[in-house]
Amino acid sequence: MLRELDHPNIVKLLGVCMQENRLYLLFEFIMMDIRKYLDLLPDEGYVPAATVQRIAFQTCQATCFMHQRRIVHRDLKPQNLLIDDLGVIKIADFGLSRAINVPIRVYTHEVVTLWYRAPEILLGANRYAAAIDAWAIGCILAEVVLKKPLFRGDSEIDQLFQTFRLLGTPGEKEWQGVCSLPQFKMNFPKWKVNRLAETLRAYAENRLISLIQAMLRYDPSQRISMRSALHHPYFFDIDTSTVPAGNYRGELFCG
């Protein structure tokens, strides 16, 4: 799988070797991940708007490239987004990645670190696809501007309820079929107001808030695809000369 992912924003596999009956994968070295980058910011400091835009664009470029090859990462989180001293993003750790087929296959729901786990997985769905990566990226981008995780559940139900408190408790109107998911309960608390924009408004421009909202839609079928994300107005004015994949927005990538 890794051999297929030759993209400047995906960590490069340099070699494979065997020692004492153990297989070792050798990757390029990148000094820091996004979580460490955020931790090193001064208490009163925030990521510059242009840097946030480049982080978002490169992450969407790399994820779009994966999805076009029918590969879902399944564990996107700040610790798996590496960043070098030039601001180049590299997606790493493909240990949970899977190739997807059409129709969508049945998978285990034990994927994605809890804080970045899509609600369909938390509610027990065993059929899912690339939309789970979009949800994770939405959580990551919110974390980049807030400097703290958007949701910090200490269990699956706590993660669900934190999500519901911020985005409102979903029903069939917002997400067709949600009431049929194995872990959905009709007696869940009913939070009615979506407060995502309110939470982000002091830290992010309106176009970025719009993109994050599109990534954090409850219904996976309505969640923005990575190719559509690359054409979102948030990226209309990005200087593509500052990112290694240039103006790639979902077209066939030739390196």
C-alpha atoms as a PDB file:
ATOM      1  CA  MET A   1       0.000   0.000   0.000  1.00  0.00           C
ATOM      2  CA  LEU A   2       2.732   2.488   0.970  1.00  0.00           C
ATOM      3  CA  ARG A   3       4.481   1.967  -2.357  1.00  0.00           C
ATOM      4  CA  GLU A   4       1.364   3.343  -4.086  1.00  0.00           C
ATOM      5  CA  LEU A   5       1.357   6.537  -2.014  1.00  0.00           C
ATOM      6  CA  ASP A   6       4.105   8.537  -3.689  1.00  0.00           C
ATOM      7  CA  HIS A   7       3.073  12.079  -2.804  1.00  0.00           C
ATOM      8  CA  PRO A   8       5.107  14.967  -1.335  1.00  0.00           C
ATOM      9  CA  ASN A   9       2.717  15.243   1.615  1.00  0.00           C
ATOM     10  CA  ILE A  10       2.873  11.564   2.574  1.00  0.00           C
ATOM     11  CA  VAL A  11       5.846  10.285   4.547  1.00  0.00           C
ATOM     12  CA  LYS A  12       8.176   8.437   2.201  1.00  0.00           C
ATOM     13  CA  LEU A  13       8.994   4.767   2.656  1.00  0.00           C
ATOM     14  CA  LEU A  14      12.751   4.528   2.064  1.00  0.00           C
ATOM     15  CA  GLY A  15      13.248   0.823   2.460  1.00  0.00           C
ATOM     16  CA  VAL A  16      12.329  -2.473   4.064  1.00  0.00           C
ATOM     17  CA  CYS A  17      14.673  -4.830   5.871  1.00  0.00           C
ATOM     18  CA  MET A  18      14.561  -8.028   7.908  1.00  0.00           C
ATOM     19  CA  GLN A  19      16.570  -8.544  11.086  1.00  0.00           C
ATOM     20  CA  GLU A  20      16.189 -11.487  13.438  1.00  0.00           C
ATOM     21  CA  ASN A  21      12.925 -12.480  11.760  1.00  0.00           C
ATOM     22  CA  ARG A  22      11.466  -9.016  12.246  1.00  0.00           C
ATOM     23  CA  LEU A  23      10.344  -6.729   9.462  1.00  0.00           C
ATOM     24  CA  TYR A  24      11.442  -3.094   9.696  1.00  0.00           C
ATOM     25  CA  LEU A  25      10.102  -0.223   7.593  1.00  0.00           C
ATOM     26  CA  LEU A  26      12.458   2.720   7.095  1.00  0.00           C
ATOM     27  CA  PHE A  27      10.826   6.133   6.648  1.00  0.00           C
ATOM     28  CA  GLU A  28      12.155   9.606   6.052  1.00  0.00           C
ATOM     29  CA  PHE A  29      12.707  11.510   9.293  1.00  0.00           C
ATOM     30  CA  ILE A  30      10.570  14.540  10.111  1.00  0.00           C
ATOM     31  CA  MET A  31      11.349  16.328  13.361  1.00  0.00           C
ATOM     32  CA  MET A  32       7.914  17.276  14.643  1.00  0.00           C
ATOM     33  CA  ASP A  33       4.195  16.527  14.519  1.00  0.00           C
ATOM     34  CA  ILE A  34       1.343  19.027  14.650  1.00  0.00           C
ATOM     35  CA  ARG A  35       0.554  18.325  18.311  1.00  0.00           C
ATOM     36  CA  LYS A  36       4.165  19.073  19.297  1.00  0.00           C
ATOM     37  CA  TYR A  37       4.132  22.152  17.060  1.00  0.00           C
ATOM     38  CA  LEU A  38       1.060  23.475  18.883  1.00  0.00           C
ATOM     39  CA  ASP A  39       2.531  22.656  22.296  1.00  0.00           C
ATOM     40  CA  LEU A  40       5.616  24.743  21.500  1.00  0.00           C
ATOM     41  CA  LEU A  41       3.608  27.880  20.760  1.00  0.00           C
ATOM     42  CA  PRO A  42       3.693  30.500  23.537  1.00  0.00           C
ATOM     43  CA  ASP A  43       0.608  30.590  25.742  1.00  0.00           C
ATOM     44  CA  GLU A  44      -0.669  33.748  24.090  1.00  0.00           C
ATOM     45  CA  GLY A  45       0.422  32.752  20.582  1.00  0.00           C
ATOM     46  CA  TYR A  46      -1.634  31.208  17.793  1.00  0.00           C
ATOM     47  CA  VAL A  47      -0.814  29.671  14.431  1.00  0.00           C
ATOM     48  CA  PRO A  48      -0.657  32.411  11.758  1.00  0.00           C
ATOM     49  CA  ALA A  49      -3.649  32.370   9.402  1.00  0.00           C
ATOM     50  CA  ALA A  50      -1.503  31.704   6.317  1.00  0.00           C
ATOM     51  CA  THR A  51       0.148  28.745   8.069  1.00  0.00           C
ATOM     52  CA  VAL A  52      -3.235  27.306   9.055  1.00  0.00           C
ATOM     53  CA  GLN A  53      -4.314  27.566   5.426  1.00  0.00           C
ATOM     54  CA  ARG A  54      -1.178  25.761   4.202  1.00  0.00           C
ATOM     55  CA  ILE A  55      -1.576  23.017   6.811  1.00  0.00           C
ATOM     56  CA  ALA A  56      -5.208  22.529   5.793  1.00  0.00           C
ATOM     57  CA  PHE A  57      -4.499  22.570   2.055  1.00  0.00           C
ATOM     58  CA  GLN A  58      -1.616  20.101   2.208  1.00  0.00           C
ATOM     59  CA  THR A  59      -3.567  17.745   4.470  1.00  0.00           C
ATOM     60  CA  CYS A  60      -6.528  17.795   2.083  1.00  0.00           C
ATOM     61  CA  GLN A  61      -4.218  17.306  -0.918  1.00  0.00           C
ATOM     62  CA  ALA A  62      -2.585  14.215   0.581  1.00  0.00           C
ATOM     63  CA  THR A  63      -5.879  12.744   1.786  1.00  0.00           C
ATOM     64  CA  CYS A  64      -7.527  13.354  -1.589  1.00  0.00           C
ATOM     65  CA  PHE A  65      -4.605  11.544  -3.230  1.00  0.00           C
ATOM     66  CA  MET A  66      -5.151   8.561  -0.897  1.00  0.00           C
ATOM     67  CA  HIS A  67      -8.898   8.485  -1.428  1.00  0.00           C
ATOM     68  CA  GLN A  68      -8.485   8.554  -5.208  1.00  0.00           C
ATOM     69  CA  ARG A  69      -6.494   5.348  -4.780  1.00  0.00           C
ATOM     70  CA  ARG A  70      -9.291   3.927  -2.606  1.00  0.00           C
ATOM     71  CA  ILE A  71      -7.209   4.071   0.566  1.00  0.00           C
ATOM     72  CA  VAL A  72      -8.703   5.354   3.826  1.00  0.00           C
ATOM     73  CA  HIS A  73      -6.198   6.307   6.526  1.00  0.00           C
ATOM     74  CA  ARG A  74      -8.561   5.592   9.470  1.00  0.00           C
ATOM     75  CA  ASP A  75      -6.281   7.136  12.121  1.00  0.00           C
ATOM     76  CA  LEU A  76      -5.756  10.779  11.225  1.00  0.00           C
ATOM     77  CA  LYS A  77      -4.804  12.861  14.264  1.00  0.00           C
ATOM     78  CA  PRO A  78      -2.299  15.654  15.017  1.00  0.00           C
ATOM     79  CA  GLN A  79       0.355  13.121  16.039  1.00  0.00           C
ATOM     80  CA  ASN A  80       0.155  11.569  12.547  1.00  0.00           C
ATOM     81  CA  LEU A  81       0.569  14.877  10.724  1.00  0.00           C
ATOM     82  CA  LEU A  82       4.274  15.634  10.618  1.00  0.00           C
ATOM     83  CA  ILE A  83       5.568  19.124   9.861  1.00  0.00           C
ATOM     84  CA  ASP A  84       9.099  20.152   8.903  1.00  0.00           C
ATOM     85  CA  ASP A  85      10.870  23.467   9.399  1.00  0.00           C
ATOM     86  CA  LEU A  86       9.583  24.704   6.017  1.00  0.00           C
ATOM     87  CA  GLY A  87       5.965  24.022   6.963  1.00  0.00           C
ATOM     88  CA  VAL A  88       5.635  20.959   4.730  1.00  0.00           C
ATOM     89  CA  ILE A  89       3.039  18.489   6.020  1.00  0.00           C
ATOM     90  CA  LYS A  90       3.593  14.722   5.825  1.00  0.00           C
ATOM     91  CA  ILE A  91       0.872  12.240   6.735  1.00  0.00           C
ATOM     92  CA  ALA A  92       2.327   9.266   8.616  1.00  0.00           C
ATOM     93  CA  ASP A  93       1.365   6.008  10.348  1.00  0.00           C
ATOM     94  CA  PHE A  94      -0.657   3.915   7.936  1.00  0.00           C
ATOM     95  CA  GLY A  95      -0.968   0.997  10.350  1.00  0.00           C
ATOM     96  CA  LEU A  96      -4.780   1.167  10.363  1.00  0.00           C
ATOM     97  CA  SER A  97      -5.194   2.126   6.709  1.00  0.00           C
ATOM     98  CA  ARG A  98      -7.368   0.013   4.449  1.00  0.00           C
ATOM     99  CA  ALA A  99      -8.183  -0.210   0.774  1.00  0.00           C
ATOM    100  CA  ILE A 100     -11.903   0.308   0.190  1.00  0.00           C
ATOM    101  CA  ASN A 101     -14.070  -1.283  -2.434  1.00  0.00           C
ATOM    102  CA  VAL A 102     -17.432  -0.530  -3.980  1.00  0.00           C
ATOM    103  CA  PRO A 103     -19.836  -1.497  -2.503  1.00  0.00           C
ATOM    104  CA  ILE A 104     -18.446  -0.407   0.851  1.00  0.00           C
ATOM    105  CA  ARG A 105     -17.111  -3.330   2.830  1.00  0.00           C
ATOM    106  CA  VAL A 106     -17.852  -4.175   6.448  1.00  0.00           C
ATOM    107  CA  TYR A 107     -15.030  -3.123   8.777  1.00  0.00           C
ATOM    108  CA  THR A 108     -14.341  -3.199  12.494  1.00  0.00           C
ATOM    109  CA  HIS A 109     -15.325   0.005  14.274  1.00  0.00           C
ATOM    110  CA  GLU A 110     -12.162  -0.029  16.423  1.00  0.00           C
ATOM    111  CA  VAL A 111     -10.433   2.627  14.365  1.00  0.00           C
ATOM    112  CA  VAL A 112      -9.323   6.218  14.803  1.00  0.00           C
ATOM    113  CA  THR A 113      -8.114   7.661  18.077  1.00  0.00           C
ATOM    114  CA  LEU A 114     -11.200   8.474  20.144  1.00  0.00           C
ATOM    115  CA  TRP A 115     -11.061  12.286  19.955  1.00  0.00           C
ATOM    116  CA  TYR A 116     -11.058  12.206  16.127  1.00  0.00           C
ATOM    117  CA  ARG A 117     -13.490   9.322  15.650  1.00  0.00           C
ATOM    118  CA  ALA A 118     -16.473   9.963  13.377  1.00  0.00           C
ATOM    119  CA  PRO A 119     -19.941   9.667  14.958  1.00  0.00           C
ATOM    120  CA  GLU A 120     -21.007   6.824  12.670  1.00  0.00           C
ATOM    121  CA  ILE A 121     -18.220   4.691  14.171  1.00  0.00           C
ATOM    122  CA  LEU A 122     -19.061   5.754  17.729  1.00  0.00           C
ATOM    123  CA  LEU A 123     -22.662   4.722  17.048  1.00  0.00           C
ATOM    124  CA  GLY A 124     -21.619   1.252  15.924  1.00  0.00           C
ATOM    125  CA  ALA A 125     -21.714   1.467  12.129  1.00  0.00           C
ATOM    126  CA  ASN A 126     -19.597  -1.238  10.547  1.00  0.00           C
ATOM    127  CA  ARG A 127     -19.924   0.123   7.029  1.00  0.00           C
ATOM    128  CA  TYR A 128     -18.070   3.332   6.384  1.00  0.00           C
ATOM    129  CA  ALA A 129     -15.708   4.899   3.901  1.00  0.00           C
ATOM    130  CA  ALA A 130     -13.576   7.955   3.221  1.00  0.00           C
ATOM    131  CA  ALA A 131     -15.892  10.321   5.108  1.00  0.00           C
ATOM    132  CA  ILE A 132     -14.335   9.203   8.408  1.00  0.00           C
ATOM    133  CA  ASP A 133     -11.062  10.858   7.336  1.00  0.00           C
ATOM    134  CA  ALA A 134     -12.897  14.099   6.544  1.00  0.00           C
ATOM    135  CA  TRP A 135     -14.361  14.145  10.060  1.00  0.00           C
ATOM    136  CA  ALA A 136     -10.917  13.619  11.592  1.00  0.00           C
ATOM    137  CA  ILE A 137      -9.439  16.453   9.517  1.00  0.00           C
ATOM    138  CA  GLY A 138     -12.240  18.773  10.614  1.00  0.00           C
ATOM    139  CA  CYS A 139     -11.379  18.008  14.241  1.00  0.00           C
ATOM    140  CA  ILE A 140      -7.672  18.551  13.552  1.00  0.00           C
ATOM    141  CA  LEU A 141      -8.179  21.923  11.846  1.00  0.00           C
ATOM    142  CA  ALA A 142     -10.329  23.106  14.745  1.00  0.00           C
ATOM    143  CA  GLU A 143      -7.554  22.013  17.093  1.00  0.00           C
ATOM    144  CA  VAL A 144      -4.941  23.909  15.085  1.00  0.00           C
ATOM    145  CA  VAL A 145      -6.804  27.202  15.535  1.00  0.00           C
ATOM    146  CA  LEU A 146      -7.981  26.575  19.113  1.00  0.00           C
ATOM    147  CA  LYS A 147      -4.662  25.030  20.259  1.00  0.00           C
ATOM    148  CA  LYS A 148      -6.662  22.344  22.061  1.00  0.00           C
ATOM    149  CA  PRO A 149      -8.753  19.364  20.936  1.00  0.00           C
ATOM    150  CA  LEU A 150     -12.310  20.117  19.899  1.00  0.00           C
ATOM    151  CA  PHE A 151     -13.615  16.997  21.680  1.00  0.00           C
ATOM    152  CA  ARG A 152     -11.801  15.254  24.542  1.00  0.00           C
ATOM    153  CA  GLY A 153     -13.993  12.320  25.493  1.00  0.00           C
ATOM    154  CA  ASP A 154     -12.652   9.757  27.957  1.00  0.00           C
ATOM    155  CA  SER A 155     -15.011   7.048  26.669  1.00  0.00           C
ATOM    156  CA  GLU A 156     -17.090   6.453  23.556  1.00  0.00           C
ATOM    157  CA  ILE A 157     -20.285   7.708  25.196  1.00  0.00           C
ATOM    158  CA  ASP A 158     -18.515  10.767  26.616  1.00  0.00           C
ATOM    159  CA  GLN A 159     -17.081  11.495  23.172  1.00  0.00           C
ATOM    160  CA  LEU A 160     -20.567  11.211  21.660  1.00  0.00           C
ATOM    161  CA  PHE A 161     -22.127  13.504  24.235  1.00  0.00           C
ATOM    162  CA  GLN A 162     -19.362  16.098  23.851  1.00  0.00           C
ATOM    163  CA  THR A 163     -20.041  16.031  20.112  1.00  0.00           C
ATOM    164  CA  PHE A 164     -23.792  16.358  20.648  1.00  0.00           C
ATOM    165  CA  ARG A 165     -23.335  19.272  23.076  1.00  0.00           C
ATOM    166  CA  LEU A 166     -21.390  21.220  20.471  1.00  0.00           C
ATOM    167  CA  LEU A 167     -23.142  20.198  17.252  1.00  0.00           C
ATOM    168  CA  GLY A 168     -26.606  19.321  18.554  1.00  0.00           C
ATOM    169  CA  THR A 169     -28.031  15.831  18.981  1.00  0.00           C
ATOM    170  CA  PRO A 170     -28.732  14.386  15.513  1.00  0.00           C
ATOM    171  CA  GLY A 171     -32.058  12.944  14.426  1.00  0.00           C
ATOM    172  CA  GLU A 172     -33.393  11.554  11.169  1.00  0.00           C
ATOM    173  CA  LYS A 173     -33.813  15.087   9.809  1.00  0.00           C
ATOM    174  CA  GLU A 174     -30.078  15.786  10.079  1.00  0.00           C
ATOM    175  CA  TRP A 175     -28.886  12.261   9.388  1.00  0.00           C
ATOM    176  CA  GLN A 176     -31.118   9.764   7.637  1.00  0.00           C
ATOM    177  CA  GLY A 177     -30.719   6.334   9.209  1.00  0.00           C
ATOM    178  CA  VAL A 178     -29.048   7.480  12.429  1.00  0.00           C
ATOM    179  CA  CYS A 179     -31.814   6.042  14.617  1.00  0.00           C
ATOM    180  CA  SER A 180     -31.119   2.588  13.163  1.00  0.00           C
ATOM    181  CA  LEU A 181     -27.440   2.531  14.139  1.00  0.00           C
ATOM    182  CA  PRO A 182     -26.659  -0.112  16.794  1.00  0.00           C
ATOM    183  CA  GLN A 183     -25.561   2.259  19.557  1.00  0.00           C
ATOM    184  CA  PHE A 184     -28.087   5.048  18.975  1.00  0.00           C
ATOM    185  CA  LYS A 185     -30.587   5.447  21.818  1.00  0.00           C
ATOM    186  CA  MET A 186     -33.843   7.337  21.511  1.00  0.00           C
ATOM    187  CA  ASN A 187     -33.375   8.586  25.084  1.00  0.00           C
ATOM    188  CA  PHE A 188     -30.074  10.340  24.328  1.00  0.00           C
ATOM    189  CA  PRO A 189     -30.074  13.899  25.750  1.00  0.00           C
ATOM    190  CA  LYS A 190     -31.434  16.344  23.168  1.00  0.00           C
ATOM    191  CA  TRP A 191     -29.023  19.223  22.637  1.00  0.00           C
ATOM    192  CA  LYS A 192     -30.648  21.392  19.989  1.00  0.00           C
ATOM    193  CA  VAL A 193     -28.146  24.140  19.092  1.00  0.00           C
ATOM    194  CA  ASN A 194     -25.058  23.808  16.885  1.00  0.00           C
ATOM    195  CA  ARG A 195     -22.398  25.989  18.546  1.00  0.00           C
ATOM    196  CA  LEU A 196     -19.451  25.153  16.282  1.00  0.00           C
ATOM    197  CA  ALA A 197     -19.286  28.525  14.523  1.00  0.00           C
ATOM    198  CA  GLU A 198     -19.638  30.342  17.846  1.00  0.00           C
ATOM    199  CA  THR A 199     -16.759  28.296  19.294  1.00  0.00           C
ATOM    200  CA  LEU A 200     -14.430  29.013  16.370  1.00  0.00           C
ATOM    201  CA  ARG A 201     -15.388  32.589  15.501  1.00  0.00           C
ATOM    202  CA  ALA A 202     -12.745  34.307  17.648  1.00  0.00           C
ATOM    203  CA  TYR A 203      -9.974  32.144  16.186  1.00  0.00           C
ATOM    204  CA  ALA A 204     -10.822  31.441  12.543  1.00  0.00           C
ATOM    205  CA  GLU A 205     -12.052  33.342   9.519  1.00  0.00           C
ATOM    206  CA  ASN A 206     -15.516  32.594   8.161  1.00  0.00           C
ATOM    207  CA  ARG A 207     -14.287  30.572   5.174  1.00  0.00           C
ATOM    208  CA  LEU A 208     -12.322  28.222   7.411  1.00  0.00           C
ATOM    209  CA  ILE A 209     -15.297  27.857   9.750  1.00  0.00           C
ATOM    210  CA  SER A 210     -17.422  26.958   6.713  1.00  0.00           C
ATOM    211  CA  LEU A 211     -14.914  24.285   5.648  1.00  0.00           C
ATOM    212  CA  ILE A 212     -14.733  22.767   9.132  1.00  0.00           C
ATOM    213  CA  GLN A 213     -18.539  22.750   9.324  1.00  0.00           C
ATOM    214  CA  ALA A 214     -18.650  20.871   6.004  1.00  0.00           C
ATOM    215  CA  MET A 215     -16.199  18.288   7.371  1.00  0.00           C
ATOM    216  CA  LEU A 216     -18.158  17.868  10.604  1.00  0.00           C
ATOM    217  CA  ARG A 217     -21.555  17.129   9.105  1.00  0.00           C
ATOM    218  CA  TYR A 218     -23.209  14.244  10.868  1.00  0.00           C
ATOM    219  CA  ASP A 219     -24.447  12.426   7.770  1.00  0.00           C
ATOM    220  CA  PRO A 220     -21.379  10.822   6.124  1.00  0.00           C
ATOM    221  CA  SER A 221     -23.051  11.055   2.711  1.00  0.00           C
ATOM    222  CA  GLN A 222     -23.304  14.838   3.143  1.00  0.00           C
ATOM    223  CA  ARG A 223     -19.791  15.330   4.522  1.00  0.00           C
ATOM    224  CA  ILE A 224     -17.506  17.178   2.136  1.00  0.00           C
ATOM    225  CA  SER A 225     -15.167  15.047   0.015  1.00  0.00           C
ATOM    226  CA  MET A 226     -11.486  15.892  -0.118  1.00  0.00           C
ATOM    227  CA  ARG A 227     -11.697  16.858  -3.776  1.00  0.00           C
ATOM    228  CA  SER A 228     -14.559  19.245  -3.020  1.00  0.00           C
ATOM    229  CA  ALA A 229     -12.636  20.553  -0.017  1.00  0.00           C
ATOM    230  CA  LEU A 230      -9.729  21.515  -2.278  1.00  0.00           C
ATOM    231  CA  HIS A 231     -12.175  23.646  -4.291  1.00  0.00           C
ATOM    232  CA  HIS A 232     -13.688  25.271  -1.208  1.00  0.00           C
ATOM    233  CA  PRO A 233     -13.550  29.115  -1.141  1.00  0.00           C
ATOM    234  CA  TYR A 234     -11.135  28.917   1.811  1.00  0.00           C
ATOM    235  CA  PHE A 235      -8.432  27.867  -0.638  1.00  0.00           C
ATOM    236  CA  PHE A 236      -9.228  30.291  -3.473  1.00  0.00           C
ATOM    237  CA  ASP A 237      -6.413  32.667  -2.512  1.00  0.00           C
ATOM    238  CA  ILE A 238      -3.767  30.208  -1.331  1.00  0.00           C
ATOM    239  CA  ASP A 239      -0.283  30.722  -2.752  1.00  0.00           C
ATOM    240  CA  THR A 240       0.244  27.260  -4.231  1.00  0.00           C
ATOM    241  CA  SER A 241       3.911  28.020  -4.884  1.00  0.00           C
ATOM    242  CA  THR A 242       4.443  27.557  -1.122  1.00  0.00           C
ATOM    243  CA  VAL A 243       3.268  23.919  -1.043  1.00  0.00           C
ATOM    244  CA  PRO A 244       5.114  20.970  -2.624  1.00  0.00           C
ATOM    245  CA  ALA A 245       2.149  19.514  -4.548  1.00  0.00           C
ATOM    246  CA  GLY A 246       1.451  22.875  -6.155  1.00  0.00           C
ATOM    247  CA  ASN A 247      -2.097  23.504  -7.349  1.00  0.00           C
ATOM    248  CA  TYR A 248      -3.174  19.848  -7.203  1.00  0.00           C
ATOM    249  CA  ARG A 249      -6.903  19.870  -6.414  1.00  0.00           C
ATOM    250  CA  GLY A 250      -7.893  16.300  -7.092  1.00  0.00           C
ATOM    251  CA  GLU A 251      -6.786  15.945 -10.698  1.00  0.00           C
ATOM    252  CA  LEU A 252      -4.636  12.961 -11.677  1.00  0.00           C
ATOM    253  CA  PHE A 253      -1.393  13.442  -9.754  1.00  0.00           C
ATOM    254  CA  CYS A 254       1.808  12.655 -11.605  1.00  0.00           C
ATOM    255  CA  GLY A 255       4.331  13.599  -8.892  1.00  0.00           C
END
